[in-house]
């Protein structure tokens, strides 16, 4: 009996210790959760207003935050250099607006211009970072200011003098320099946000069908008949999905570019339930897998039912009915999450992870460290350029000299708020960080205005939070890498093994 009590006490103690470590390890996240809850309770605005604003900001900012993950994994730290990617996007947007391209065509042209520019800049930044190993973050910060000087020289002097531009809508009176603000209405405004769900489904069906046809041709060339039925079945399935879109009710539903949050939750819940039921039937009845554990699928089904039941609570229903999601924007965010996850499972991704953990080990394993770091920077800069395009088309106006200035700091702060660090970052950190960071951005001026009668207090507070989170993260990183003595030996850093001192006393 005493042994059982002792084991129970020990188990409870271990669980409490694990919980305490988890709370301490995520102290920044918990602090922001508390701040957000306090802000939500003191805004003086209905909850649906705040939730709508947060979802808008989430779609606008998450892509560029996700672009920071690859450099962190590759050991480059927090990439303050993504600002050059934002500049590449803005150069491309200026060209598109000046040439008068609009809609999807204008968007594709913008991406086509921004991509090679951002890849070139990413290559140059990666080369610079390879010359300054160990100080990449401060190098990226200073590089951002240097690049901003060149950017302003281009837009204030070269355009109009070296590159003659005659457009009173874009150029300052006198013919030299670009105006401070460019309106994207009629060009790129809401181009991504207004792509209908029907267009997305049709494009997805076309891409999948082309891939399956190519695979089928390859199988025929290789005379591999074993995979042909699978490929043919996939083509038939895609054709069936495409045919369903002609059903009037489904066509009407898919013809909109916004998806109500309630509909999104309903689709997700029923999709999760059907998927888990299919897993259970396949593993238990068809495959007859005796090692398959049914507990987890049942837990997912129960959680899905609970989530759906919560939507019937009037207060929650009122909030989720007020939110409409721009589908294509969220699809792009989901695709980037899949890309980040898939990349880390490839040889290149594993090389990046190895380089990030130890350049010495990576060199010993035959990995080209410099090349891997450059590729990571090129990918991050390109993704940042695409993220800036998503951001500006949603804003609808283009602040020529200021749109890029804080994108790096805000994105990095959001990533850190989600629980990331200088050496570890995941998709979940980015998503949670954007939600918490921008919730605080929405509620802080409203809360300050409601409590103190001055919304500027909230503005000062959220700027302080942005820089404060970055400063604390960098300070903690520096503290962890400081040399210190321990038990008669000297630990050079957290990554350096202890070296015992010869002849030291016990």
Protein backbone atom coordinates (compact mmCIF):
# COMPACT_ATOMS: atom_id res chain seq x y z
CA UNK A 1 0.00 0.00 0.00
CA UNK A 2 2.80 2.35 0.95
CA UNK A 3 4.60 1.54 -2.29
CA UNK A 4 1.48 2.45 -4.28
CA UNK A 5 1.16 5.73 -2.41
CA UNK A 6 4.86 6.45 -2.93
CA UNK A 7 4.59 5.73 -6.67
CA UNK A 8 1.50 7.92 -6.93
CA UNK A 9 3.23 10.80 -5.15
CA UNK A 10 6.30 10.37 -7.35
CA UNK A 11 4.14 10.32 -10.50
CA UNK A 12 2.27 13.46 -9.44
CA UNK A 13 5.57 15.14 -8.64
CA UNK A 14 6.99 14.25 -12.05
CA UNK A 15 3.89 15.57 -13.79
CA UNK A 16 3.99 18.83 -11.83
CA UNK A 17 7.69 19.20 -12.60
CA UNK A 18 7.04 18.56 -16.30
CA UNK A 19 4.19 21.10 -16.28
CA UNK A 20 6.34 23.70 -14.51
CA UNK A 21 9.15 23.22 -17.05
CA UNK A 22 6.64 23.51 -19.91
CA UNK A 23 5.23 26.74 -18.49
CA UNK A 24 8.70 28.18 -17.93
CA UNK A 25 9.84 27.16 -21.40
CA UNK A 26 6.80 28.89 -22.94
CA UNK A 27 6.70 31.88 -20.59
CA UNK A 28 6.58 34.38 -23.45
CA UNK A 29 3.57 32.63 -24.97
CA UNK A 30 1.72 32.53 -21.63
CA UNK A 31 2.53 36.18 -20.97
CA UNK A 32 1.04 37.20 -24.31
CA UNK A 33 -2.02 35.02 -23.74
CA UNK A 34 -2.63 36.87 -20.46
CA UNK A 35 -2.09 40.26 -22.12
CA UNK A 36 -4.44 39.38 -24.97
CA UNK A 37 -7.18 38.19 -22.60
CA UNK A 38 -6.84 41.37 -20.54
CA UNK A 39 -6.97 43.47 -23.71
CA UNK A 40 -10.03 41.64 -25.04
CA UNK A 41 -11.85 42.32 -21.76
CA UNK A 42 -11.04 46.05 -21.78
CA UNK A 43 -11.42 47.13 -25.42
CA UNK A 44 -14.98 48.35 -25.05
CA UNK A 45 -15.69 46.80 -28.47
CA UNK A 46 -17.74 43.68 -29.26
CA UNK A 47 -15.68 40.51 -29.53
CA UNK A 48 -16.63 39.91 -33.15
CA UNK A 49 -14.88 43.18 -34.13
CA UNK A 50 -11.57 42.03 -32.67
CA UNK A 51 -11.86 38.50 -34.08
CA UNK A 52 -12.59 39.84 -37.57
CA UNK A 53 -9.58 42.15 -37.41
CA UNK A 54 -7.30 39.35 -36.21
CA UNK A 55 -8.38 37.03 -39.04
CA UNK A 56 -7.75 39.82 -41.56
CA UNK A 57 -4.28 40.43 -40.16
CA UNK A 58 -3.59 36.70 -40.03
CA UNK A 59 -4.18 36.30 -43.75
CA UNK A 60 -2.17 39.42 -44.48
CA UNK A 61 0.95 38.69 -42.39
CA UNK A 62 1.37 34.94 -41.83
CA UNK A 63 3.05 34.12 -45.15
CA UNK A 64 5.97 36.45 -44.52
CA UNK A 65 6.38 35.15 -40.95
CA UNK A 66 6.55 31.59 -42.27
CA UNK A 67 9.38 32.67 -44.58
CA UNK A 68 11.60 33.08 -41.50
CA UNK A 69 11.56 29.40 -40.55
CA UNK A 70 14.06 28.06 -43.10
CA UNK A 71 16.98 30.35 -42.06
CA UNK A 72 16.43 29.51 -38.39
CA UNK A 73 16.61 25.78 -39.18
CA UNK A 74 19.78 26.36 -41.23
CA UNK A 75 21.49 28.11 -38.31
CA UNK A 76 21.25 31.65 -39.71
CA UNK A 77 19.13 32.86 -36.80
CA UNK A 78 16.42 35.48 -37.10
CA UNK A 79 16.63 36.73 -40.67
CA UNK A 80 16.44 40.51 -40.46
CA UNK A 81 17.53 40.44 -44.10
CA UNK A 82 14.04 39.52 -45.34
CA UNK A 83 13.52 43.25 -45.81
CA UNK A 84 15.42 42.96 -49.12
CA UNK A 85 12.80 40.45 -50.27
CA UNK A 86 10.09 42.97 -49.44
CA UNK A 87 11.94 45.59 -51.48
CA UNK A 88 12.11 43.21 -54.44
CA UNK A 89 8.33 42.78 -54.23
CA UNK A 90 7.78 46.53 -54.15
CA UNK A 91 9.99 47.11 -57.19
CA UNK A 92 7.94 44.49 -59.04
CA UNK A 93 4.65 46.07 -57.94
CA UNK A 94 5.80 49.49 -59.15
CA UNK A 95 6.65 48.04 -62.57
CA UNK A 96 3.28 46.29 -62.82
CA UNK A 97 1.32 49.41 -61.87
CA UNK A 98 3.37 51.60 -64.21
CA UNK A 99 2.84 49.27 -67.15
CA UNK A 100 -0.89 49.12 -66.40
CA UNK A 101 -1.32 45.39 -65.89
CA UNK A 102 -4.28 44.37 -63.74
CA UNK A 103 -5.96 41.33 -62.20
CA UNK A 104 -4.45 37.85 -62.28
CA UNK A 105 -2.22 38.78 -65.21
CA UNK A 106 -0.77 41.68 -63.25
CA UNK A 107 -0.29 39.46 -60.21
CA UNK A 108 1.57 36.80 -62.21
CA UNK A 109 3.75 39.48 -63.81
CA UNK A 110 4.55 40.88 -60.36
CA UNK A 111 5.58 37.44 -59.10
CA UNK A 112 7.61 36.84 -62.28
CA UNK A 113 9.55 40.09 -61.73
CA UNK A 114 9.93 39.79 -57.95
CA UNK A 115 11.12 36.16 -57.94
CA UNK A 116 14.44 36.52 -59.86
CA UNK A 117 15.23 39.82 -58.12
CA UNK A 118 14.64 38.31 -54.69
CA UNK A 119 16.64 35.17 -55.54
CA UNK A 120 19.58 37.32 -56.68
CA UNK A 121 19.40 39.45 -53.53
CA UNK A 122 19.07 36.31 -51.41
CA UNK A 123 22.19 34.89 -53.06
CA UNK A 124 24.14 38.06 -52.30
CA UNK A 125 22.88 38.16 -48.71
CA UNK A 126 23.80 34.50 -48.27
CA UNK A 127 27.32 35.20 -49.56
CA UNK A 128 27.61 38.05 -47.07
CA UNK A 129 26.37 35.89 -44.20
CA UNK A 130 28.99 33.28 -45.06
CA UNK A 131 31.63 35.98 -44.54
CA UNK A 132 30.15 36.93 -41.17
CA UNK A 133 29.38 33.56 -39.55
CA UNK A 134 28.19 33.93 -35.99
CA UNK A 135 26.97 37.52 -36.45
CA UNK A 136 24.29 36.97 -39.10
CA UNK A 137 21.52 38.73 -37.20
CA UNK A 138 23.35 42.00 -36.61
CA UNK A 139 24.67 41.79 -40.18
CA UNK A 140 21.11 41.39 -41.47
CA UNK A 141 19.91 44.34 -39.41
CA UNK A 142 22.62 46.67 -40.71
CA UNK A 143 22.18 45.25 -44.21
CA UNK A 144 18.51 46.23 -44.07
CA UNK A 145 19.42 49.87 -43.47
CA UNK A 146 22.03 49.79 -46.23
CA UNK A 147 19.57 48.22 -48.67
CA UNK A 148 16.97 50.80 -47.70
CA UNK A 149 19.41 53.55 -48.70
CA UNK A 150 19.92 51.99 -52.13
CA UNK A 151 16.17 51.46 -52.48
CA UNK A 152 15.45 55.13 -51.72
CA UNK A 153 18.19 56.22 -54.11
CA UNK A 154 16.45 54.19 -56.82
CA UNK A 155 12.96 55.53 -56.15
CA UNK A 156 13.91 59.12 -55.31
CA UNK A 157 16.57 59.82 -57.93
CA UNK A 158 17.19 57.13 -60.52
CA UNK A 159 13.51 56.86 -61.45
CA UNK A 160 12.93 60.06 -63.36
CA UNK A 161 16.60 60.84 -64.10
CA UNK A 162 18.25 57.63 -65.30
CA UNK A 163 14.95 55.83 -65.96
CA UNK A 164 12.53 58.37 -67.46
CA UNK A 165 8.99 57.76 -66.22
CA UNK A 166 6.08 59.91 -67.30
CA UNK A 167 3.07 59.18 -65.13
CA UNK A 168 1.58 61.92 -62.91
CA UNK A 169 -0.18 59.25 -60.86
CA UNK A 170 3.15 57.73 -59.76
CA UNK A 171 5.81 60.46 -60.12
CA UNK A 172 6.37 63.54 -57.94
CA UNK A 173 5.67 66.90 -59.59
CA UNK A 174 8.82 67.81 -61.46
CA UNK A 175 9.31 64.37 -62.97
CA UNK A 176 11.90 63.01 -60.53
CA UNK A 177 11.15 60.46 -57.80
CA UNK A 178 8.15 58.30 -56.96
CA UNK A 179 5.27 59.55 -54.85
CA UNK A 180 4.99 58.52 -51.21
CA UNK A 181 1.80 56.50 -51.73
CA UNK A 182 0.58 54.51 -54.71
CA UNK A 183 -3.01 53.38 -54.87
CA UNK A 184 -3.33 49.77 -56.05
CA UNK A 185 -7.06 50.04 -56.74
CA UNK A 186 -7.76 48.92 -60.29
CA UNK A 187 -4.42 47.11 -60.47
CA UNK A 188 -3.54 44.57 -57.77
CA UNK A 189 -5.86 45.41 -54.89
CA UNK A 190 -7.53 42.23 -53.52
CA UNK A 191 -6.32 40.26 -56.56
CA UNK A 192 -5.52 37.19 -54.45
CA UNK A 193 -8.30 37.69 -51.93
CA UNK A 194 -11.01 37.72 -54.61
CA UNK A 195 -10.07 34.47 -56.38
CA UNK A 196 -13.15 32.27 -56.10
CA UNK A 197 -13.21 28.82 -54.54
CA UNK A 198 -14.44 27.43 -57.86
CA UNK A 199 -11.31 28.71 -59.61
CA UNK A 200 -9.16 27.16 -56.88
CA UNK A 201 -10.86 23.76 -57.24
CA UNK A 202 -10.60 23.87 -61.04
CA UNK A 203 -6.91 24.80 -60.89
CA UNK A 204 -6.20 22.06 -58.32
CA UNK A 205 -7.99 19.48 -60.48
CA UNK A 206 -6.02 20.57 -63.54
CA UNK A 207 -2.66 20.38 -61.74
CA UNK A 208 -3.40 16.96 -60.21
CA UNK A 209 -4.68 15.63 -63.54
CA UNK A 210 -1.53 16.80 -65.35
CA UNK A 211 0.70 15.17 -62.72
CA UNK A 212 -1.23 11.89 -62.98
CA UNK A 213 -1.10 11.93 -66.78
CA UNK A 214 2.67 12.52 -66.71
CA UNK A 215 3.08 9.64 -64.25
CA UNK A 216 0.93 7.42 -66.46
CA UNK A 217 3.07 8.22 -69.50
CA UNK A 218 6.23 7.47 -67.49
CA UNK A 219 4.78 4.11 -66.42
CA UNK A 220 3.97 3.23 -70.03
CA UNK A 221 7.47 4.21 -71.16
CA UNK A 222 9.02 2.11 -68.41
CA UNK A 223 6.49 -0.67 -69.11
CA UNK A 224 5.53 -0.72 -65.44
CA UNK A 225 1.96 -1.98 -65.55
CA UNK A 226 1.66 -2.38 -61.78
CA UNK A 227 1.11 1.34 -61.12
CA UNK A 228 -1.18 2.02 -64.10
CA UNK A 229 -4.47 1.13 -62.34
CA UNK A 230 -3.59 3.49 -59.51
CA UNK A 231 -2.87 6.38 -61.86
CA UNK A 232 -6.03 5.71 -63.90
CA UNK A 233 -8.06 5.57 -60.70
CA UNK A 234 -6.63 8.92 -59.65
CA UNK A 235 -7.57 10.50 -62.98
CA UNK A 236 -11.11 9.15 -62.68
CA UNK A 237 -11.32 10.55 -59.14
CA UNK A 238 -10.18 14.00 -60.27
CA UNK A 239 -12.72 13.91 -63.11
CA UNK A 240 -15.45 13.03 -60.60
CA UNK A 241 -14.51 15.94 -58.33
CA UNK A 242 -14.52 18.31 -61.30
CA UNK A 243 -17.92 17.00 -62.41
CA UNK A 244 -19.37 17.65 -58.93
CA UNK A 245 -18.62 21.36 -59.33
CA UNK A 246 -21.34 21.51 -62.03
CA UNK A 247 -24.06 20.65 -59.50
CA UNK A 248 -25.95 23.98 -59.15
CA UNK A 249 -25.92 24.11 -55.33
CA UNK A 250 -22.21 23.29 -55.13
CA UNK A 251 -21.38 25.66 -57.96
CA UNK A 252 -23.18 28.51 -56.18
CA UNK A 253 -21.32 27.75 -52.96
CA UNK A 254 -17.93 27.62 -54.69
CA UNK A 255 -18.50 30.72 -56.81
CA UNK A 256 -17.74 33.05 -53.88
CA UNK A 257 -14.25 34.19 -52.87
CA UNK A 258 -15.00 34.24 -49.14
CA UNK A 259 -15.76 31.33 -46.83
CA UNK A 260 -17.66 31.90 -43.62
CA UNK A 261 -15.72 30.73 -40.59
CA UNK A 262 -18.73 28.63 -39.54
CA UNK A 263 -18.69 26.84 -42.91
CA UNK A 264 -14.93 26.31 -42.64
CA UNK A 265 -15.30 24.76 -39.18
CA UNK A 266 -18.14 22.55 -40.42
CA UNK A 267 -16.11 21.32 -43.40
CA UNK A 268 -13.07 20.68 -41.21
CA UNK A 269 -15.07 18.83 -38.53
CA UNK A 270 -16.92 16.53 -40.91
CA UNK A 271 -13.78 15.98 -42.98
CA UNK A 272 -11.85 14.95 -39.85
CA UNK A 273 -14.63 12.60 -38.74
CA UNK A 274 -14.90 10.92 -42.17
CA UNK A 275 -11.11 10.58 -42.41
CA UNK A 276 -10.81 8.95 -38.97
CA UNK A 277 -13.72 6.60 -39.64
CA UNK A 278 -12.07 5.59 -42.91
CA UNK A 279 -8.81 4.90 -41.02
CA UNK A 280 -10.60 2.72 -38.50
CA UNK A 281 -12.45 0.73 -41.20
CA UNK A 282 -9.33 0.32 -43.32
CA UNK A 283 -7.00 -0.71 -40.48
CA UNK A 284 -9.43 -2.89 -38.53
CA UNK A 285 -11.69 -4.45 -41.15
CA UNK A 286 -9.77 -4.39 -44.43
CA UNK A 287 -6.13 -4.58 -43.40
CA UNK A 288 -6.93 -6.33 -40.09
CA UNK A 289 -4.01 -4.65 -38.38
CA UNK A 290 -3.90 -6.02 -34.83
CA UNK A 291 -1.38 -3.36 -33.73
CA UNK A 292 -3.59 -0.45 -34.77
CA UNK A 293 -4.65 1.60 -31.72
CA UNK A 294 -8.17 2.92 -32.07
CA UNK A 295 -7.88 5.35 -29.15
CA UNK A 296 -6.36 8.24 -31.10
CA UNK A 297 -8.89 8.23 -33.99
CA UNK A 298 -11.73 8.09 -31.46
CA UNK A 299 -10.20 11.01 -29.54
CA UNK A 300 -10.03 13.05 -32.77
CA UNK A 301 -13.69 12.24 -33.54
CA UNK A 302 -14.79 13.21 -30.02
CA UNK A 303 -12.80 16.47 -30.19
CA UNK A 304 -14.36 17.27 -33.59
CA UNK A 305 -17.86 16.66 -32.22
CA UNK A 306 -17.16 18.91 -29.22
CA UNK A 307 -15.83 21.69 -31.47
CA UNK A 308 -18.91 21.51 -33.66
CA UNK A 309 -21.20 21.47 -30.62
CA UNK A 310 -19.56 24.68 -29.34
CA UNK A 311 -20.65 26.49 -32.51
CA UNK A 312 -24.27 26.23 -31.32
CA UNK A 313 -23.55 28.43 -28.29
CA UNK A 314 -25.13 31.81 -29.23
CA UNK A 315 -22.16 33.97 -28.21
CA UNK A 316 -19.67 31.79 -30.14
CA UNK A 317 -22.01 31.47 -33.12
CA UNK A 318 -22.35 35.25 -33.31
CA UNK A 319 -18.57 35.68 -33.43
CA UNK A 320 -17.81 33.02 -36.03
CA UNK A 321 -20.67 34.19 -38.26
CA UNK A 322 -18.99 37.61 -38.43
CA UNK A 323 -15.78 36.25 -39.95
CA UNK A 324 -15.35 35.66 -43.68
CA UNK A 325 -12.07 34.11 -44.81
CA UNK A 326 -10.38 34.99 -48.14
CA UNK A 327 -9.91 31.41 -49.29
CA UNK A 328 -7.00 31.75 -51.71
CA UNK A 329 -4.89 33.67 -49.18
CA UNK A 330 -5.38 30.94 -46.59
CA UNK A 331 -4.69 28.24 -49.19
CA UNK A 332 -1.33 29.87 -49.94
CA UNK A 333 -0.50 29.93 -46.22
CA UNK A 334 -1.41 26.24 -45.94
CA UNK A 335 0.72 25.42 -49.00
CA UNK A 336 3.72 27.21 -47.48
CA UNK A 337 3.28 25.22 -44.25
CA UNK A 338 3.26 22.02 -46.32
CA UNK A 339 6.32 23.22 -48.25
CA UNK A 340 8.27 23.95 -45.04
CA UNK A 341 7.38 20.55 -43.60
CA UNK A 342 8.15 18.69 -46.83
CA UNK A 343 11.44 20.51 -47.32
CA UNK A 344 12.72 19.40 -43.92
CA UNK A 345 12.05 15.77 -44.90
CA UNK A 346 14.20 16.04 -48.03
CA UNK A 347 17.97 15.65 -48.24
CA UNK A 348 18.35 19.42 -48.59
CA UNK A 349 16.21 19.98 -45.50
CA UNK A 350 18.20 17.45 -43.49
CA UNK A 351 21.39 19.17 -44.61
CA UNK A 352 20.00 22.51 -43.43
CA UNK A 353 19.08 21.01 -40.07
CA UNK A 354 22.57 19.50 -39.71
CA UNK A 355 24.24 22.80 -40.61
CA UNK A 356 22.02 24.59 -38.11
CA UNK A 357 22.96 22.19 -35.33
CA UNK A 358 26.70 22.10 -35.99
CA UNK A 359 28.71 23.38 -38.93
CA UNK A 360 31.64 21.22 -37.81
CA UNK A 361 29.58 18.04 -37.95
CA UNK A 362 28.10 19.12 -41.29
CA UNK A 363 31.57 19.62 -42.76
CA UNK A 364 32.67 16.23 -41.45
CA UNK A 365 29.60 14.66 -43.09
CA UNK A 366 30.58 16.11 -46.47
CA UNK A 367 27.88 18.78 -46.58
CA UNK A 368 28.71 22.00 -48.41
CA UNK A 369 27.89 24.36 -45.55
CA UNK A 370 28.23 27.64 -47.45
CA UNK A 371 26.08 26.43 -50.35
CA UNK A 372 23.39 25.13 -48.00
CA UNK A 373 23.24 28.45 -46.14
CA UNK A 374 23.00 30.39 -49.41
CA UNK A 375 20.12 28.20 -50.62
CA UNK A 376 18.32 28.78 -47.31
CA UNK A 377 18.70 32.54 -47.71
CA UNK A 378 17.55 32.49 -51.31
CA UNK A 379 14.40 30.54 -50.40
CA UNK A 380 13.65 32.81 -47.44
CA UNK A 381 14.12 36.01 -49.47
CA UNK A 382 11.94 34.72 -52.32
CA UNK A 383 9.17 33.68 -49.90
CA UNK A 384 9.42 37.06 -48.16
CA UNK A 385 8.91 38.78 -51.52
CA UNK A 386 5.81 36.70 -52.18
CA UNK A 387 4.59 37.43 -48.65
CA UNK A 388 5.00 41.17 -49.23
CA UNK A 389 2.93 40.90 -52.41
CA UNK A 390 0.16 39.17 -50.42
CA UNK A 391 0.40 41.88 -47.77
CA UNK A 392 0.26 44.86 -50.14
CA UNK A 393 -2.57 43.52 -52.33
CA UNK A 394 -4.63 43.14 -49.15
CA UNK A 395 -3.76 46.63 -47.86
CA UNK A 396 -4.68 48.10 -51.25
CA UNK A 397 -2.17 50.96 -51.06
CA UNK A 398 1.58 50.97 -51.51
CA UNK A 399 3.61 53.16 -49.14
CA UNK A 400 6.64 53.54 -51.38
CA UNK A 401 9.21 54.38 -48.71
CA UNK A 402 7.68 52.80 -45.62
CA UNK A 403 5.89 49.56 -46.53
CA UNK A 404 9.04 47.47 -46.06
CA UNK A 405 10.62 49.33 -43.16
CA UNK A 406 9.11 47.33 -40.28
CA UNK A 407 8.16 44.07 -41.98
CA UNK A 408 11.24 42.29 -40.70
CA UNK A 409 10.88 43.41 -37.07
CA UNK A 410 7.15 42.68 -36.91
CA UNK A 411 7.55 39.26 -38.54
CA UNK A 412 10.40 38.30 -36.22
CA UNK A 413 8.52 39.53 -33.15
CA UNK A 414 5.46 37.49 -34.16
CA UNK A 415 7.58 34.36 -34.62
CA UNK A 416 9.19 34.80 -31.18
CA UNK A 417 5.84 35.43 -29.50
CA UNK A 418 4.69 32.04 -30.78
CA UNK A 419 7.46 30.27 -28.83
CA UNK A 420 10.24 30.17 -31.43
CA UNK A 421 13.84 30.94 -30.60
CA UNK A 422 17.00 31.92 -32.42
CA UNK A 423 17.74 28.23 -33.07
CA UNK A 424 14.29 26.62 -33.29
CA UNK A 425 11.22 27.59 -35.30
CA UNK A 426 8.23 25.67 -36.60
CA UNK A 427 5.04 26.37 -38.53
CA UNK A 428 3.08 26.17 -35.27
CA UNK A 429 5.28 28.89 -33.74
CA UNK A 430 4.57 31.19 -36.67
CA UNK A 431 0.80 30.58 -36.67
CA UNK A 432 0.38 30.97 -32.90
CA UNK A 433 2.70 33.97 -32.88
CA UNK A 434 0.77 35.83 -35.57
CA UNK A 435 -2.51 35.24 -33.72
CA UNK A 436 -1.18 36.46 -30.35
CA UNK A 437 0.97 39.30 -31.68
CA UNK A 438 -1.72 40.79 -33.89
CA UNK A 439 -4.44 40.26 -31.31
CA UNK A 440 -2.37 42.45 -29.01
CA UNK A 441 -1.85 44.91 -31.87
CA UNK A 442 -5.60 45.19 -32.34
CA UNK A 443 -6.64 45.43 -28.70
CA UNK A 444 -3.85 47.56 -27.20
CA UNK A 445 -4.88 50.98 -28.67
CA UNK A 446 -8.57 50.21 -28.08
CA UNK A 447 -7.89 49.14 -24.51
CA UNK A 448 -5.72 52.21 -23.82
CA UNK A 449 -8.39 54.49 -25.27
CA UNK A 450 -11.10 52.83 -23.18
CA UNK A 451 -9.11 52.82 -19.92
CA UNK A 452 -7.04 56.00 -20.18
CA UNK A 453 -8.79 58.01 -22.88
CA UNK A 454 -5.63 58.06 -25.01
CA UNK A 455 -5.11 55.47 -27.77
CA UNK A 456 -1.47 56.57 -28.27
CA UNK A 457 -0.54 54.82 -25.03
CA UNK A 458 -1.53 51.57 -26.70
CA UNK A 459 0.47 52.49 -29.81
CA UNK A 460 3.58 53.11 -27.72
CA UNK A 461 2.99 49.87 -25.83
CA UNK A 462 2.76 47.66 -28.89
CA UNK A 463 5.90 49.20 -30.42
CA UNK A 464 7.65 48.61 -27.10
CA UNK A 465 6.44 44.99 -27.13
CA UNK A 466 7.74 44.46 -30.67
CA UNK A 467 11.27 45.59 -29.87
CA UNK A 468 11.15 44.18 -26.34
CA UNK A 469 10.41 40.63 -27.49
CA UNK A 470 13.27 40.75 -30.01
CA UNK A 471 15.68 42.22 -27.42
CA UNK A 472 14.79 39.56 -24.83
CA UNK A 473 15.22 36.74 -27.38
CA UNK A 474 18.62 38.02 -28.46
CA UNK A 475 19.70 38.56 -24.84
CA UNK A 476 18.68 35.02 -23.89
CA UNK A 477 20.56 33.64 -26.91
CA UNK A 478 23.67 35.60 -25.93
CA UNK A 479 23.38 34.45 -22.32
CA UNK A 480 23.13 30.80 -23.31
CA UNK A 481 26.31 31.05 -25.39
CA UNK A 482 28.40 32.81 -22.72
CA UNK A 483 31.40 30.81 -21.44
CA UNK A 484 31.07 29.83 -17.78
CA UNK A 485 32.70 27.46 -15.32
CA UNK A 486 30.99 24.39 -13.94
CA UNK A 487 32.17 21.74 -11.48
CA UNK A 488 35.88 22.29 -11.97
CA UNK A 489 35.62 22.38 -15.74
CA UNK A 490 34.92 25.19 -18.18
CA UNK A 491 31.87 25.07 -20.42
CA UNK A 492 32.66 27.18 -23.44
CA UNK A 493 29.00 27.38 -24.47
CA UNK A 494 25.83 25.33 -24.38
CA UNK A 495 27.05 23.47 -27.46
CA UNK A 496 30.57 22.82 -26.22
CA UNK A 497 31.34 19.80 -24.05
CA UNK A 498 32.89 20.20 -20.66
CA UNK A 499 36.67 19.75 -20.59
CA UNK A 500 38.01 18.56 -17.23
CA UNK A 501 40.99 20.39 -15.83
CA UNK A 502 44.06 18.19 -15.46
CA UNK A 503 45.04 17.66 -11.79
CA UNK A 504 41.95 19.39 -10.43
CA UNK A 505 40.98 18.52 -6.90
CA UNK A 506 37.86 16.43 -6.27
